[in-house]
Protein backbone atom coordinates (compact mmCIF):
# COMPACT_ATOMS: atom_id res chain seq x y z
CA MET A 1 -7.67 9.25 8.47
CA CYS A 2 -5.92 10.19 11.73
CA LYS A 3 -8.26 7.94 13.70
CA VAL A 4 -7.19 4.89 11.74
CA GLY A 5 -3.51 5.68 12.18
CA LEU A 6 -4.06 6.32 15.87
CA ALA A 7 -5.92 3.02 16.26
CA PHE A 8 -3.11 1.07 14.57
CA GLY A 9 -0.40 2.89 16.62
CA LEU A 10 -2.13 2.28 19.96
CA THR A 11 -2.78 -1.34 19.08
CA TYR A 12 0.85 -1.88 18.12
CA ALA A 13 1.91 -0.19 21.38
CA ALA A 14 -0.41 -2.37 23.39
CA VAL A 15 1.00 -5.51 21.71
CA LEU A 16 4.58 -4.41 22.36
CA TYR A 17 3.79 -3.74 25.97
CA CYS A 18 2.08 -7.19 26.46
CA MET A 19 4.88 -9.12 24.64
CA ARG A 20 7.92 -7.21 25.91
CA HIS A 21 9.02 -10.17 28.15
CA VAL A 22 9.06 -12.51 25.10
CA GLY A 23 12.14 -11.87 22.98
CA SER A 24 12.32 -8.15 23.73
CA ALA A 25 9.14 -7.60 21.58
CA HIS A 26 10.88 -8.01 18.25
CA LEU A 27 7.65 -7.67 16.22
CA ASN A 28 9.39 -5.94 13.28
CA PRO A 29 12.54 -7.26 11.52
CA VAL A 30 13.96 -3.69 11.46
CA VAL A 31 14.04 -3.72 15.27
CA THR A 32 15.93 -7.02 15.16
CA VAL A 33 18.44 -5.62 12.73
CA ALA A 34 18.85 -2.55 14.91
CA MET A 35 19.51 -4.87 17.91
CA LEU A 36 22.16 -6.66 15.86
CA LEU A 37 23.84 -3.41 14.73
CA THR A 38 23.99 -2.03 18.28
CA ARG A 39 25.32 -5.41 19.42
CA ARG A 40 22.43 -6.05 21.86
CA ALA A 41 21.73 -9.46 20.23
CA SER A 42 23.93 -12.14 18.62
CA VAL A 43 23.83 -12.89 14.96
CA ILE A 44 22.34 -16.39 15.48
CA ARG A 45 19.55 -14.96 17.75
CA CYS A 46 18.79 -12.32 15.13
CA LEU A 47 18.57 -14.78 12.30
CA LEU A 48 16.18 -16.88 14.32
CA PHE A 49 14.05 -13.87 15.15
CA ILE A 50 13.83 -12.75 11.55
CA ALA A 51 13.06 -16.29 10.37
CA SER A 52 10.34 -16.59 12.95
CA GLN A 53 8.94 -13.18 12.01
CA PHE A 54 8.67 -14.06 8.35
CA LEU A 55 7.25 -17.50 9.11
CA GLY A 56 4.71 -15.87 11.43
CA ALA A 57 3.76 -13.38 8.73
CA ILE A 58 3.25 -16.17 6.13
CA ILE A 59 1.14 -18.22 8.53
CA GLY A 60 -0.88 -15.07 9.48
CA ALA A 61 -1.53 -14.28 5.81
CA GLY A 62 -2.59 -17.85 5.12
CA PHE A 63 -4.98 -17.63 8.08
CA ALA A 64 -6.40 -14.40 6.88
CA VAL A 65 -7.03 -15.84 3.44
CA ALA A 66 -8.55 -19.00 5.01
CA VAL A 67 -11.11 -17.09 7.08
CA THR A 68 -12.06 -14.62 4.37
CA ALA A 69 -15.00 -15.40 2.22
CA PRO A 70 -14.12 -16.08 -1.50
CA ARG A 71 -16.29 -13.23 -2.77
CA LEU A 72 -14.36 -10.73 -0.53
CA ARG A 73 -10.99 -12.13 -1.57
CA SER A 74 -11.63 -11.30 -5.22
CA ALA A 75 -13.06 -7.86 -4.38
CA GLY A 76 -9.65 -6.36 -3.96
CA ARG A 77 -8.65 -7.23 -7.49
CA GLN A 78 -11.81 -5.55 -8.87
CA LEU A 79 -11.40 -2.26 -7.01
CA GLY A 80 -8.77 -0.96 -9.41
CA HIS A 81 -10.36 -2.20 -12.59
CA GLY A 82 -10.64 0.57 -15.11
CA VAL A 83 -8.73 3.15 -13.06
CA LEU A 84 -5.88 3.44 -15.47
CA ASP A 85 -7.98 2.90 -18.63
CA ASN A 86 -8.48 6.03 -20.74
């Protein structure tokens, strides 16, 4: 389990490092809100960042659904079937 977390953490760190010159690497809306609270970014800029982040998440989720085979998309719904049944 530690390997998966480490892989995600290192990937996230690599993306932040590569994208730091583009908008201060605001990949998470919480970072944007923190920048707003510490007055390192304006309200307008933060709203645009957050809107862009959510739009990017929606487009990314749509892309993930589009490239996933239909039989694999329905598999997630079947994994929990019967778990709570007595």
